[in-house]
PDB file of all heavy atoms in Angstrom:
ATOM      1  N   ALA A   1      -4.294   0.767   6.922  1.00  0.00           N
ATOM      2  CA  ALA A   1      -3.748   0.783   5.593  1.00  0.00           C
ATOM      3  C   ALA A   1      -3.599   2.247   5.066  1.00  0.00           C
ATOM      4  O   ALA A   1      -2.548   2.633   4.496  1.00  0.00           O
ATOM      5  CB  ALA A   1      -4.629   0.041   4.669  1.00  0.00           C
ATOM      6  N   ASP A   2      -4.557   3.054   5.406  1.00  0.00           N
ATOM      7  CA  ASP A   2      -4.534   4.439   4.987  1.00  0.00           C
ATOM      8  C   ASP A   2      -3.420   5.220   5.724  1.00  0.00           C
ATOM      9  O   ASP A   2      -2.748   6.061   5.111  1.00  0.00           O
ATOM     10  CB  ASP A   2      -5.913   5.111   5.244  1.00  0.00           C
ATOM     11  CG  ASP A   2      -5.913   6.570   4.829  1.00  0.00           C
ATOM     12  OD1 ASP A   2      -5.778   6.831   3.587  1.00  0.00           O
ATOM     13  OD2 ASP A   2      -6.014   7.493   5.682  1.00  0.00           O
ATOM     14  N   TYR A   3      -3.226   4.878   6.992  1.00  0.00           N
ATOM     15  CA  TYR A   3      -2.193   5.484   7.805  1.00  0.00           C
ATOM     16  C   TYR A   3      -0.834   5.151   7.197  1.00  0.00           C
ATOM     17  O   TYR A   3       0.062   6.058   7.026  1.00  0.00           O
ATOM     18  CB  TYR A   3      -2.243   4.980   9.215  1.00  0.00           C
ATOM     19  CG  TYR A   3      -1.138   5.321  10.142  1.00  0.00           C
ATOM     20  CD1 TYR A   3      -0.769   6.653  10.369  1.00  0.00           C
ATOM     21  CD2 TYR A   3      -0.422   4.346  10.854  1.00  0.00           C
ATOM     22  CE1 TYR A   3       0.279   6.975  11.189  1.00  0.00           C
ATOM     23  CE2 TYR A   3       0.563   4.658  11.668  1.00  0.00           C
ATOM     24  CZ  TYR A   3       0.970   5.940  11.871  1.00  0.00           C
ATOM     25  OH  TYR A   3       1.964   6.295  12.710  1.00  0.00           O
ATOM     26  N   ILE A   4      -0.591   3.925   6.807  1.00  0.00           N
ATOM     27  CA  ILE A   4       0.719   3.540   6.293  1.00  0.00           C
ATOM     28  C   ILE A   4       0.874   4.127   4.910  1.00  0.00           C
ATOM     29  O   ILE A   4       1.965   4.704   4.561  1.00  0.00           O
ATOM     30  CB  ILE A   4       0.830   1.964   6.170  1.00  0.00           C
ATOM     31  CG1 ILE A   4       0.759   1.373   7.604  1.00  0.00           C
ATOM     32  CG2 ILE A   4       2.073   1.498   5.466  1.00  0.00           C
ATOM     33  CD1 ILE A   4       0.716  -0.113   7.631  1.00  0.00           C
ATOM     34  N   THR A   5      -0.035   3.917   3.986  1.00  0.00           N
ATOM     35  CA  THR A   5       0.087   4.327   2.622  1.00  0.00           C
ATOM     36  C   THR A   5       0.256   5.888   2.522  1.00  0.00           C
ATOM     37  O   THR A   5       1.079   6.366   1.736  1.00  0.00           O
ATOM     38  CB  THR A   5      -1.092   3.879   1.732  1.00  0.00           C
ATOM     39  OG1 THR A   5      -2.304   4.290   2.300  1.00  0.00           O
ATOM     40  CG2 THR A   5      -1.064   2.320   1.669  1.00  0.00           C
ATOM     41  N   SER A   6      -0.573   6.617   3.176  1.00  0.00           N
ATOM     42  CA  SER A   6      -0.523   8.083   3.115  1.00  0.00           C
ATOM     43  C   SER A   6       0.767   8.587   3.687  1.00  0.00           C
ATOM     44  O   SER A   6       1.347   9.561   3.122  1.00  0.00           O
ATOM     45  CB  SER A   6      -1.718   8.693   3.819  1.00  0.00           C
ATOM     46  OG  SER A   6      -1.726   8.364   5.205  1.00  0.00           O
ATOM     47  N   SER A   7       1.235   8.018   4.687  1.00  0.00           N
ATOM     48  CA  SER A   7       2.491   8.442   5.371  1.00  0.00           C
ATOM     49  C   SER A   7       3.703   8.113   4.452  1.00  0.00           C
ATOM     50  O   SER A   7       4.643   8.942   4.285  1.00  0.00           O
ATOM     51  CB  SER A   7       2.710   7.760   6.729  1.00  0.00           C
ATOM     52  OG  SER A   7       1.678   8.124   7.571  1.00  0.00           O
ATOM     53  N   LEU A   8       3.698   6.961   3.823  1.00  0.00           N
ATOM     54  CA  LEU A   8       4.791   6.586   2.856  1.00  0.00           C
ATOM     55  C   LEU A   8       4.745   7.471   1.649  1.00  0.00           C
ATOM     56  O   LEU A   8       5.804   7.887   1.213  1.00  0.00           O
ATOM     57  CB  LEU A   8       4.611   5.113   2.474  1.00  0.00           C
ATOM     58  CG  LEU A   8       5.016   4.048   3.507  1.00  0.00           C
ATOM     59  CD1 LEU A   8       4.691   2.631   3.058  1.00  0.00           C
ATOM     60  CD2 LEU A   8       6.547   4.135   3.836  1.00  0.00           C
ATOM     61  N   LYS A   9       3.563   7.754   1.113  1.00  0.00           N
ATOM     62  CA  LYS A   9       3.495   8.613  -0.032  1.00  0.00           C
ATOM     63  C   LYS A   9       3.894  10.012   0.275  1.00  0.00           C
ATOM     64  O   LYS A   9       4.510  10.727  -0.569  1.00  0.00           O
ATOM     65  CB  LYS A   9       2.019   8.666  -0.529  1.00  0.00           C
ATOM     66  CG  LYS A   9       1.585   7.341  -1.227  1.00  0.00           C
ATOM     67  CD  LYS A   9       0.140   7.397  -1.686  1.00  0.00           C
ATOM     68  CE  LYS A   9      -0.304   6.164  -2.371  1.00  0.00           C
ATOM     69  NZ  LYS A   9      -1.710   6.166  -2.815  1.00  0.00           N
ATOM     70  N   ALA A  10       3.691  10.485   1.490  1.00  0.00           N
ATOM     71  CA  ALA A  10       4.102  11.823   1.989  1.00  0.00           C
ATOM     72  C   ALA A  10       5.671  11.911   1.991  1.00  0.00           C
ATOM     73  O   ALA A  10       6.217  12.986   1.844  1.00  0.00           O
ATOM     74  CB  ALA A  10       3.583  12.098   3.322  1.00  0.00           C
ATOM     75  N   GLN A  11       6.282  10.725   2.092  1.00  0.00           N
ATOM     76  CA  GLN A  11       7.772  10.642   2.057  1.00  0.00           C
ATOM     77  C   GLN A  11       8.295  10.602   0.630  1.00  0.00           C
ATOM     78  O   GLN A  11       9.515  10.567   0.449  1.00  0.00           O
ATOM     79  CB  GLN A  11       8.313   9.549   2.922  1.00  0.00           C
ATOM     80  CG  GLN A  11       8.112   9.705   4.401  1.00  0.00           C
ATOM     81  CD  GLN A  11       8.756   8.538   5.198  1.00  0.00           C
ATOM     82  OE1 GLN A  11       8.914   7.420   4.683  1.00  0.00           O
ATOM     83  NE2 GLN A  11       9.121   8.811   6.420  1.00  0.00           N
ATOM     84  N   GLY A  12       7.361  10.438  -0.288  1.00  0.00           N
ATOM     85  CA  GLY A  12       7.811  10.372  -1.705  1.00  0.00           C
ATOM     86  C   GLY A  12       7.863   8.951  -2.282  1.00  0.00           C
ATOM     87  O   GLY A  12       8.375   8.782  -3.391  1.00  0.00           O
ATOM     88  N   HIS A  13       7.408   7.977  -1.537  1.00  0.00           N
ATOM     89  CA  HIS A  13       7.448   6.612  -1.972  1.00  0.00           C
ATOM     90  C   HIS A  13       6.197   6.245  -2.790  1.00  0.00           C
ATOM     91  O   HIS A  13       5.069   6.834  -2.615  1.00  0.00           O
ATOM     92  CB  HIS A  13       7.566   5.612  -0.807  1.00  0.00           C
ATOM     93  CG  HIS A  13       8.708   5.904   0.051  1.00  0.00           C
ATOM     94  ND1 HIS A  13      10.023   5.874  -0.370  1.00  0.00           N
ATOM     95  CD2 HIS A  13       8.746   6.234   1.366  1.00  0.00           C
ATOM     96  CE1 HIS A  13      10.824   6.195   0.654  1.00  0.00           C
ATOM     97  NE2 HIS A  13      10.028   6.399   1.786  1.00  0.00           N
ATOM     98  N   ALA A  14       6.353   5.297  -3.709  1.00  0.00           N
ATOM     99  CA  ALA A  14       5.230   4.783  -4.485  1.00  0.00           C
ATOM    100  C   ALA A  14       4.663   3.615  -3.740  1.00  0.00           C
ATOM    101  O   ALA A  14       5.384   2.687  -3.337  1.00  0.00           O
ATOM    102  CB  ALA A  14       5.655   4.355  -5.879  1.00  0.00           C
ATOM    103  N   VAL A  15       3.347   3.621  -3.554  1.00  0.00           N
ATOM    104  CA  VAL A  15       2.697   2.567  -2.718  1.00  0.00           C
ATOM    105  C   VAL A  15       1.523   1.965  -3.408  1.00  0.00           C
ATOM    106  O   VAL A  15       0.642   2.651  -3.951  1.00  0.00           O
ATOM    107  CB  VAL A  15       2.246   3.155  -1.346  1.00  0.00           C
ATOM    108  CG1 VAL A  15       1.740   2.015  -0.399  1.00  0.00           C
ATOM    109  CG2 VAL A  15       3.344   3.936  -0.631  1.00  0.00           C
ATOM    110  N   ASP A  16       1.461   0.611  -3.424  1.00  0.00           N
ATOM    111  CA  ASP A  16       0.265  -0.130  -3.849  1.00  0.00           C
ATOM    112  C   ASP A  16      -0.351  -0.753  -2.655  1.00  0.00           C
ATOM    113  O   ASP A  16       0.368  -1.304  -1.747  1.00  0.00           O
ATOM    114  CB  ASP A  16       0.668  -1.177  -4.886  1.00  0.00           C
ATOM    115  CG  ASP A  16       1.060  -0.634  -6.190  1.00  0.00           C
ATOM    116  OD1 ASP A  16       0.665   0.531  -6.525  1.00  0.00           O
ATOM    117  OD2 ASP A  16       1.843  -1.241  -6.971  1.00  0.00           O
ATOM    118  N   HIS A  17      -1.655  -0.790  -2.573  1.00  0.00           N
ATOM    119  CA  HIS A  17      -2.352  -1.386  -1.439  1.00  0.00           C
ATOM    120  C   HIS A  17      -3.351  -2.460  -1.876  1.00  0.00           C
ATOM    121  O   HIS A  17      -4.037  -2.314  -2.832  1.00  0.00           O
ATOM    122  CB  HIS A  17      -3.121  -0.282  -0.606  1.00  0.00           C
ATOM    123  CG  HIS A  17      -4.056  -0.872   0.386  1.00  0.00           C
ATOM    124  ND1 HIS A  17      -5.394  -0.746   0.296  1.00  0.00           N
ATOM    125  CD2 HIS A  17      -3.847  -1.647   1.474  1.00  0.00           C
ATOM    126  CE1 HIS A  17      -5.989  -1.398   1.292  1.00  0.00           C
ATOM    127  NE2 HIS A  17      -5.038  -1.985   2.007  1.00  0.00           N
ATOM    128  N   CYS A  18      -3.344  -3.599  -1.154  1.00  0.00           N
ATOM    129  CA  CYS A  18      -4.337  -4.628  -1.325  1.00  0.00           C
ATOM    130  C   CYS A  18      -4.957  -4.964   0.035  1.00  0.00           C
ATOM    131  O   CYS A  18      -4.231  -4.940   1.053  1.00  0.00           O
ATOM    132  CB  CYS A  18      -3.686  -5.910  -1.879  1.00  0.00           C
ATOM    133  SG  CYS A  18      -2.883  -5.717  -3.492  1.00  0.00           S
ATOM    134  N   ASP A  19      -6.261  -5.258   0.002  1.00  0.00           N
ATOM    135  CA  ASP A  19      -6.978  -5.563   1.319  1.00  0.00           C
ATOM    136  C   ASP A  19      -7.141  -7.045   1.569  1.00  0.00           C
ATOM    137  O   ASP A  19      -7.886  -7.380   2.496  1.00  0.00           O
ATOM    138  CB  ASP A  19      -8.253  -4.768   1.307  1.00  0.00           C
ATOM    139  CG  ASP A  19      -9.199  -5.163   0.267  1.00  0.00           C
ATOM    140  OD1 ASP A  19      -8.907  -6.175  -0.480  1.00  0.00           O
ATOM    141  OD2 ASP A  19     -10.299  -4.618   0.223  1.00  0.00           O
ATOM    142  N   ASN A  20      -6.564  -7.850   0.767  1.00  0.00           N
ATOM    143  CA  ASN A  20      -6.639  -9.334   1.028  1.00  0.00           C
ATOM    144  C   ASN A  20      -5.414  -9.977   0.464  1.00  0.00           C
ATOM    145  O   ASN A  20      -4.657  -9.510  -0.386  1.00  0.00           O
ATOM    146  CB  ASN A  20      -7.896  -9.889   0.337  1.00  0.00           C
ATOM    147  CG  ASN A  20      -7.873  -9.826  -1.169  1.00  0.00           C
ATOM    148  OD1 ASN A  20      -7.255 -10.684  -1.814  1.00  0.00           O
ATOM    149  ND2 ASN A  20      -8.452  -8.829  -1.756  1.00  0.00           N
ATOM    150  N   GLY A  21      -5.152 -11.203   1.011  1.00  0.00           N
ATOM    151  CA  GLY A  21      -3.906 -11.955   0.672  1.00  0.00           C
ATOM    152  C   GLY A  21      -3.820 -12.425  -0.771  1.00  0.00           C
ATOM    153  O   GLY A  21      -2.724 -12.440  -1.350  1.00  0.00           O
ATOM    154  N   LYS A  22      -4.940 -12.743  -1.368  1.00  0.00           N
ATOM    155  CA  LYS A  22      -4.970 -13.254  -2.702  1.00  0.00           C
ATOM    156  C   LYS A  22      -4.521 -12.188  -3.730  1.00  0.00           C
ATOM    157  O   LYS A  22      -3.625 -12.371  -4.545  1.00  0.00           O
ATOM    158  CB  LYS A  22      -6.316 -13.812  -3.093  1.00  0.00           C
ATOM    159  CG  LYS A  22      -6.291 -14.489  -4.490  1.00  0.00           C
ATOM    160  CD  LYS A  22      -7.682 -15.092  -4.784  1.00  0.00           C
ATOM    161  CE  LYS A  22      -7.636 -15.758  -6.195  1.00  0.00           C
ATOM    162  NZ  LYS A  22      -8.938 -16.367  -6.516  1.00  0.00           N
ATOM    163  N   ASP A  23      -5.106 -10.962  -3.572  1.00  0.00           N
ATOM    164  CA  ASP A  23      -4.712  -9.884  -4.438  1.00  0.00           C
ATOM    165  C   ASP A  23      -3.289  -9.445  -4.194  1.00  0.00           C
ATOM    166  O   ASP A  23      -2.542  -9.007  -5.093  1.00  0.00           O
ATOM    167  CB  ASP A  23      -5.634  -8.647  -4.202  1.00  0.00           C
ATOM    168  CG  ASP A  23      -7.041  -8.940  -4.871  1.00  0.00           C
ATOM    169  OD1 ASP A  23      -7.140  -9.832  -5.675  1.00  0.00           O
ATOM    170  OD2 ASP A  23      -7.989  -8.132  -4.519  1.00  0.00           O
ATOM    171  N   GLY A  24      -2.892  -9.497  -2.825  1.00  0.00           N
ATOM    172  CA  GLY A  24      -1.508  -9.195  -2.475  1.00  0.00           C
ATOM    173  C   GLY A  24      -0.509 -10.083  -3.220  1.00  0.00           C
ATOM    174  O   GLY A  24       0.549  -9.704  -3.768  1.00  0.00           O
ATOM    175  N   PHE A  25      -0.862 -11.414  -3.263  1.00  0.00           N
ATOM    176  CA  PHE A  25       0.062 -12.327  -3.939  1.00  0.00           C
ATOM    177  C   PHE A  25       0.134 -12.084  -5.452  1.00  0.00           C
ATOM    178  O   PHE A  25       1.205 -12.100  -6.021  1.00  0.00           O
ATOM    179  CB  PHE A  25      -0.499 -13.754  -3.748  1.00  0.00           C
ATOM    180  CG  PHE A  25       0.322 -14.878  -4.414  1.00  0.00           C
ATOM    181  CD1 PHE A  25       1.667 -15.064  -4.094  1.00  0.00           C
ATOM    182  CD2 PHE A  25      -0.302 -15.631  -5.399  1.00  0.00           C
ATOM    183  CE1 PHE A  25       2.405 -16.029  -4.742  1.00  0.00           C
ATOM    184  CE2 PHE A  25       0.435 -16.653  -5.983  1.00  0.00           C
ATOM    185  CZ  PHE A  25       1.794 -16.835  -5.726  1.00  0.00           C
ATOM    186  N   LEU A  26      -0.994 -11.759  -6.107  1.00  0.00           N
ATOM    187  CA  LEU A  26      -1.010 -11.496  -7.508  1.00  0.00           C
ATOM    188  C   LEU A  26      -0.224 -10.229  -7.816  1.00  0.00           C
ATOM    189  O   LEU A  26       0.521 -10.116  -8.779  1.00  0.00           O
ATOM    190  CB  LEU A  26      -2.451 -11.330  -8.027  1.00  0.00           C
ATOM    191  CG  LEU A  26      -3.335 -12.578  -7.954  1.00  0.00           C
ATOM    192  CD1 LEU A  26      -4.740 -12.274  -8.361  1.00  0.00           C
ATOM    193  CD2 LEU A  26      -2.698 -13.671  -8.841  1.00  0.00           C
ATOM    194  N   ASN A  27      -0.311  -9.217  -6.955  1.00  0.00           N
ATOM    195  CA  ASN A  27       0.439  -7.946  -7.122  1.00  0.00           C
ATOM    196  C   ASN A  27       1.951  -8.256  -6.954  1.00  0.00           C
ATOM    197  O   ASN A  27       2.777  -7.694  -7.680  1.00  0.00           O
ATOM    198  CB  ASN A  27       0.032  -6.886  -6.138  1.00  0.00           C
ATOM    199  CG  ASN A  27      -1.093  -6.035  -6.676  1.00  0.00           C
ATOM    200  OD1 ASN A  27      -0.782  -4.893  -7.232  1.00  0.00           O
ATOM    201  ND2 ASN A  27      -2.316  -6.468  -6.617  1.00  0.00           N
TER     202      ASN A  27
END
């Protein structure tokens, strides 16, 4: 997750991260 989010943010994208499916669905 850190690899993906930090790399995307380095490209200028806004990133939200969830570590479980339930929170992912709510987001």
